[in-house]
């Protein structure tokens, strides 16, 4: 029996491609960037195309939208297809670089509807992103959804600062938590439910 040709693909659901076309090329206000990310997270739940997470890559200073990605773990059978990984990977493909903080590039910002998990935290560090914006960083999201975010370093905020990555947290926290409550009400599959046990 021949081995299938290996391939690694991250993509967006059809509704997300359509929704991206409806967004302006630039979103100058930080609150509006987060609102767009929260909308994509909610739509991902409503459309049944992944977990309740979304992340957007923007030029920090101009607000130029590069991409908004969503969680695609279950549809793609890929445990690493978190929203941050999807957004960062697609942004790197769009811009033709593995380093979003490379020379002569604008400062890129990642906007996420909650703090990164242990895996995505590493991806943020290596991506070249210079600014991270999150809706929250406490355990309430995990309590609501049942997700396990993994063993984050206790000093993760300092690790970001040491690498020149600005952190803005607590933006539209209650709106993000409302989206997680809506997700939990669907009786979803929790795809990393081992909880370190």
Protein backbone atom coordinates (compact mmCIF):
# COMPACT_ATOMS: atom_id res chain seq x y z
CA UNK A 1 0.00 0.00 0.00
CA UNK A 2 1.52 3.34 -1.02
CA UNK A 3 2.07 5.98 1.64
CA UNK A 4 -0.05 9.08 1.00
CA UNK A 5 1.90 12.17 0.02
CA UNK A 6 2.52 14.14 3.23
CA UNK A 7 1.21 17.67 3.24
CA UNK A 8 0.74 20.31 5.90
CA UNK A 9 -1.93 22.88 5.15
CA UNK A 10 -3.52 25.55 7.28
CA UNK A 11 -6.51 27.28 5.75
CA UNK A 12 -9.54 29.30 6.66
CA UNK A 13 -13.17 28.24 6.35
CA UNK A 14 -15.15 29.70 3.45
CA UNK A 15 -17.15 32.04 5.69
CA UNK A 16 -13.89 33.58 7.01
CA UNK A 17 -12.60 34.26 3.51
CA UNK A 18 -15.85 36.03 2.72
CA UNK A 19 -15.84 37.97 6.01
CA UNK A 20 -12.26 39.13 5.41
CA UNK A 21 -13.32 40.66 2.10
CA UNK A 22 -15.90 42.76 3.96
CA UNK A 23 -13.37 44.31 6.35
CA UNK A 24 -11.57 47.58 5.58
CA UNK A 25 -7.94 47.43 4.50
CA UNK A 26 -6.97 49.30 7.64
CA UNK A 27 -8.44 49.25 11.16
CA UNK A 28 -6.77 52.14 13.00
CA UNK A 29 -8.45 51.79 16.43
CA UNK A 30 -7.23 48.99 18.66
CA UNK A 31 -10.74 48.36 20.01
CA UNK A 32 -12.02 47.87 16.46
CA UNK A 33 -9.25 45.36 15.75
CA UNK A 34 -10.26 43.36 18.82
CA UNK A 35 -13.95 43.65 17.88
CA UNK A 36 -13.16 42.12 14.49
CA UNK A 37 -11.20 39.28 16.13
CA UNK A 38 -14.05 38.65 18.60
CA UNK A 39 -16.52 38.51 15.70
CA UNK A 40 -14.42 35.90 13.91
CA UNK A 41 -14.16 33.82 17.11
CA UNK A 42 -17.92 33.94 17.56
CA UNK A 43 -18.56 33.04 13.92
CA UNK A 44 -16.15 30.11 14.20
CA UNK A 45 -18.33 28.75 17.01
CA UNK A 46 -21.60 29.48 15.21
CA UNK A 47 -20.41 27.93 11.94
CA UNK A 48 -18.96 24.87 13.66
CA UNK A 49 -15.59 25.35 11.94
CA UNK A 50 -13.30 25.16 14.97
CA UNK A 51 -12.79 26.27 18.55
CA UNK A 52 -13.84 29.67 19.95
CA UNK A 53 -10.59 31.46 19.20
CA UNK A 54 -9.43 34.00 16.63
CA UNK A 55 -6.27 36.03 16.11
CA UNK A 56 -5.47 38.89 13.77
CA UNK A 57 -2.18 40.16 12.42
CA UNK A 58 -2.05 43.91 11.78
CA UNK A 59 0.53 46.58 11.15
CA UNK A 60 0.53 48.11 14.62
CA UNK A 61 0.93 51.76 13.68
CA UNK A 62 -1.21 52.00 10.54
CA UNK A 63 -3.77 49.36 11.46
CA UNK A 64 -3.36 47.65 8.09
CA UNK A 65 -5.03 44.25 8.24
CA UNK A 66 -2.85 41.35 7.13
CA UNK A 67 -5.09 38.41 8.13
CA UNK A 68 -7.46 37.12 10.80
CA UNK A 69 -7.12 33.43 11.54
CA UNK A 70 -9.35 31.11 13.52
CA UNK A 71 -8.89 27.87 15.40
CA UNK A 72 -9.02 24.88 12.99
CA UNK A 73 -7.94 21.95 15.21
CA UNK A 74 -10.89 19.60 14.71
CA UNK A 75 -11.74 20.35 11.04
CA UNK A 76 -8.10 19.93 9.95
CA UNK A 77 -7.23 17.06 12.36
CA UNK A 78 -4.29 19.18 13.46
CA UNK A 79 -3.63 19.81 17.16
CA UNK A 80 -1.37 22.76 16.35
CA UNK A 81 -3.99 24.61 14.26
CA UNK A 82 -4.73 27.15 16.97
CA UNK A 83 -5.88 30.62 15.93
CA UNK A 84 -2.50 32.22 16.65
CA UNK A 85 -0.62 29.59 14.63
CA UNK A 86 -3.07 29.93 11.75
CA UNK A 87 -2.88 33.75 11.74
CA UNK A 88 0.90 33.93 12.08
CA UNK A 89 1.50 31.26 9.43
CA UNK A 90 -0.88 32.82 6.92
CA UNK A 91 0.58 36.29 7.57
CA UNK A 92 4.09 34.96 6.93
CA UNK A 93 2.90 33.35 3.70
CA UNK A 94 1.11 36.52 2.58
CA UNK A 95 4.14 38.70 3.35
CA UNK A 96 6.70 36.19 2.07
CA UNK A 97 8.78 36.04 5.23
CA UNK A 98 9.25 33.77 8.23
CA UNK A 99 10.14 36.83 10.34
CA UNK A 100 7.35 39.37 10.89
CA UNK A 101 9.86 41.60 12.67
CA UNK A 102 12.50 41.56 9.97
CA UNK A 103 14.54 44.52 8.74
CA UNK A 104 12.69 47.28 6.91
CA UNK A 105 9.32 45.86 7.93
CA UNK A 106 6.59 47.71 9.80
CA UNK A 107 5.90 46.69 13.38
CA UNK A 108 3.41 43.82 13.34
CA UNK A 109 0.86 43.21 16.05
CA UNK A 110 -1.06 40.07 17.00
CA UNK A 111 -4.53 40.63 18.46
CA UNK A 112 -6.05 37.56 20.17
CA UNK A 113 -9.31 36.96 22.02
CA UNK A 114 -7.42 35.47 24.99
CA UNK A 115 -3.84 34.86 26.13
CA UNK A 116 -1.83 32.32 24.12
CA UNK A 117 -1.51 28.73 25.29
CA UNK A 118 1.95 27.28 25.96
CA UNK A 119 2.41 26.29 22.29
CA UNK A 120 1.19 29.60 20.89
CA UNK A 121 3.31 31.55 23.36
CA UNK A 122 6.38 29.97 21.77
CA UNK A 123 5.04 30.77 18.31
CA UNK A 124 4.59 34.43 19.28
CA UNK A 125 8.20 34.60 20.50
CA UNK A 126 9.60 33.15 17.25
CA UNK A 127 7.25 34.90 14.82
CA UNK A 128 8.80 38.36 14.85
CA UNK A 129 5.63 39.96 16.22
CA UNK A 130 6.52 43.11 18.19
CA UNK A 131 3.16 43.70 19.88
CA UNK A 132 0.64 41.32 21.48
CA UNK A 133 -2.88 42.40 22.42
CA UNK A 134 -5.09 40.03 24.42
CA UNK A 135 -8.58 40.21 25.90
CA UNK A 136 -7.56 38.43 29.09
CA UNK A 137 -4.98 36.19 30.72
CA UNK A 138 -6.57 34.66 33.80
CA UNK A 139 -8.05 31.21 34.38
CA UNK A 140 -11.68 32.24 33.81
CA UNK A 141 -11.63 31.20 30.14
CA UNK A 142 -10.40 27.72 31.11
CA UNK A 143 -13.03 27.46 33.84
CA UNK A 144 -15.77 28.35 31.34
CA UNK A 145 -14.63 26.20 28.42
CA UNK A 146 -12.66 23.33 29.97
CA UNK A 147 -9.62 23.96 27.77
CA UNK A 148 -6.12 23.36 29.16
CA UNK A 149 -3.71 26.11 28.14
CA UNK A 150 -0.66 24.17 29.24
CA UNK A 151 2.36 24.99 31.39
CA UNK A 152 2.95 28.67 30.74
CA UNK A 153 6.07 30.14 32.36
CA UNK A 154 5.20 32.08 35.50
CA UNK A 155 7.17 35.05 34.14
CA UNK A 156 5.70 35.00 30.61
CA UNK A 157 4.98 38.72 30.64
CA UNK A 158 8.63 39.45 31.45
CA UNK A 159 9.74 37.02 28.72
CA UNK A 160 7.77 39.09 26.21
CA UNK A 161 9.30 42.33 27.50
CA UNK A 162 12.81 40.84 27.42
CA UNK A 163 12.32 40.12 23.72
CA UNK A 164 10.97 43.58 22.92
CA UNK A 165 7.35 42.47 22.51
CA UNK A 166 4.88 44.95 23.98
CA UNK A 167 1.87 43.47 25.79
CA UNK A 168 -1.57 45.06 26.02
CA UNK A 169 -4.03 42.99 28.02
CA UNK A 170 -7.60 43.22 29.25
CA UNK A 171 -9.03 44.73 26.05
CA UNK A 172 -12.74 43.84 25.74
CA UNK A 173 -12.38 41.08 28.33
CA UNK A 174 -16.07 40.76 29.16
CA UNK A 175 -17.03 40.53 25.48
CA UNK A 176 -14.48 37.74 25.03
CA UNK A 177 -15.80 35.85 28.04
CA UNK A 178 -19.35 36.13 26.69
CA UNK A 179 -18.17 34.39 23.52
CA UNK A 180 -16.61 31.57 25.55
CA UNK A 181 -19.86 31.13 27.49
CA UNK A 182 -21.77 30.85 24.21
CA UNK A 183 -19.26 28.22 23.04
CA UNK A 184 -19.61 26.25 26.29
CA UNK A 185 -23.40 26.25 25.90
CA UNK A 186 -23.05 24.21 22.67
CA UNK A 187 -21.77 21.20 24.66
CA UNK A 188 -18.60 21.12 22.53
CA UNK A 189 -15.81 18.60 22.16
CA UNK A 190 -12.88 19.71 24.34
CA UNK A 191 -9.98 18.52 22.23
CA UNK A 192 -7.21 18.82 24.81
CA UNK A 193 -9.15 17.47 27.77
CA UNK A 194 -6.35 15.45 29.40
CA UNK A 195 -5.60 18.48 31.58
CA UNK A 196 -2.05 17.36 32.21
CA UNK A 197 -3.26 14.20 33.99
